[in-house]
Amino acid sequence: MEIEINVILAALDGNEDALLAILKYYNRYINSFAYEEYIDELGNARVRLDPDTKQQLQEKLLKALQKFDIDRAIKE
């Protein structure tokens, strides 16, 4: 499944539903980079999703979206 060009165009125009659709599309990918290891109260190594890291990655994605070259995408 790919993100349709009309969703990207809507996101570039600030459409909230389109922006959320893009974040949803990349959610699993972003999560894969947002996990952190920690030691719990019993001394066991654990892994958890770091919400701050996830938010930073989402913000970077949305910022990168603003640089999206729509003309190049349409040609391909």
Protein backbone atom coordinates (compact mmCIF):
# COMPACT_ATOMS: atom_id res chain seq x y z
CA MET A 1 0.00 0.00 0.00
CA GLU A 2 1.27 3.46 -0.91
CA ILE A 3 0.13 6.90 0.05
CA GLU A 4 -1.90 8.35 -2.80
CA ILE A 5 -0.71 11.60 -4.31
CA ASN A 6 -4.01 13.30 -3.50
CA VAL A 7 -3.43 12.58 0.20
CA ILE A 8 0.05 14.12 -0.02
CA LEU A 9 -1.36 17.17 -1.80
CA ALA A 10 -4.05 17.55 0.84
CA ALA A 11 -1.44 17.24 3.60
CA LEU A 12 0.68 19.91 1.93
CA ASP A 13 -2.39 22.16 2.02
CA GLY A 14 -2.69 21.50 5.77
CA ASN A 15 -5.58 19.05 5.70
CA GLU A 16 -5.55 17.47 9.16
CA ASP A 17 -7.10 14.18 8.02
CA ALA A 18 -4.41 13.82 5.34
CA LEU A 19 -1.65 14.59 7.83
CA LEU A 20 -3.05 11.98 10.20
CA ALA A 21 -3.26 9.46 7.35
CA ILE A 22 0.42 9.98 6.60
CA LEU A 23 1.35 9.61 10.27
CA LYS A 24 -0.75 6.45 10.46
CA TYR A 25 0.94 5.06 7.35
CA TYR A 26 4.40 5.56 8.89
CA ASN A 27 3.40 4.68 12.46
CA ARG A 28 5.01 1.22 12.62
CA TYR A 29 8.17 2.50 10.96
CA ILE A 30 8.45 5.42 13.38
CA ASN A 31 7.77 3.15 16.34
CA SER A 32 10.63 0.88 15.29
CA PHE A 33 13.04 3.78 15.95
CA ALA A 34 11.34 5.03 19.12
CA TYR A 35 11.94 2.05 21.40
CA GLU A 36 14.34 2.38 24.30
CA GLU A 37 15.81 -0.13 26.69
CA TYR A 38 15.48 0.40 30.43
CA ILE A 39 15.94 -1.51 33.65
CA ASP A 40 12.76 -2.08 35.66
CA GLU A 41 12.46 -1.98 39.46
CA LEU A 42 13.44 -5.68 39.66
CA GLY A 43 16.59 -5.18 37.60
CA ASN A 44 15.19 -6.74 34.43
CA ALA A 45 16.03 -5.29 31.04
CA ARG A 46 12.88 -4.09 29.30
CA VAL A 47 11.95 -2.26 26.12
CA ARG A 48 9.32 0.45 25.85
CA LEU A 49 8.14 2.97 23.34
CA ASP A 50 9.51 6.41 24.18
CA PRO A 51 6.69 8.89 23.45
CA ASP A 52 9.08 11.86 23.27
CA THR A 53 11.23 10.17 20.64
CA LYS A 54 8.13 9.14 18.71
CA GLN A 55 6.83 12.71 18.74
CA GLN A 56 10.19 14.05 17.54
CA LEU A 57 10.22 11.59 14.67
CA GLN A 58 6.65 12.47 13.72
CA GLU A 59 7.54 16.15 13.72
CA LYS A 60 10.57 15.47 11.50
CA LEU A 61 8.37 13.54 9.08
CA LEU A 62 5.87 16.39 8.86
CA LYS A 63 8.68 18.90 8.39
CA ALA A 64 10.20 16.75 5.63
CA LEU A 65 6.79 16.53 3.99
CA GLN A 66 6.92 20.28 3.40
CA LYS A 67 10.02 19.71 1.24
CA PHE A 68 8.26 17.06 -0.86
CA ASP A 69 8.89 17.64 -4.57
CA ILE A 70 5.44 17.08 -6.02
CA ASP A 71 6.57 17.73 -9.61
CA ARG A 72 9.16 14.99 -9.38
CA ALA A 73 6.64 12.57 -7.86
CA ILE A 74 4.12 13.20 -10.62
CA LYS A 75 6.74 12.53 -13.34
CA GLU A 76 7.56 9.13 -11.86
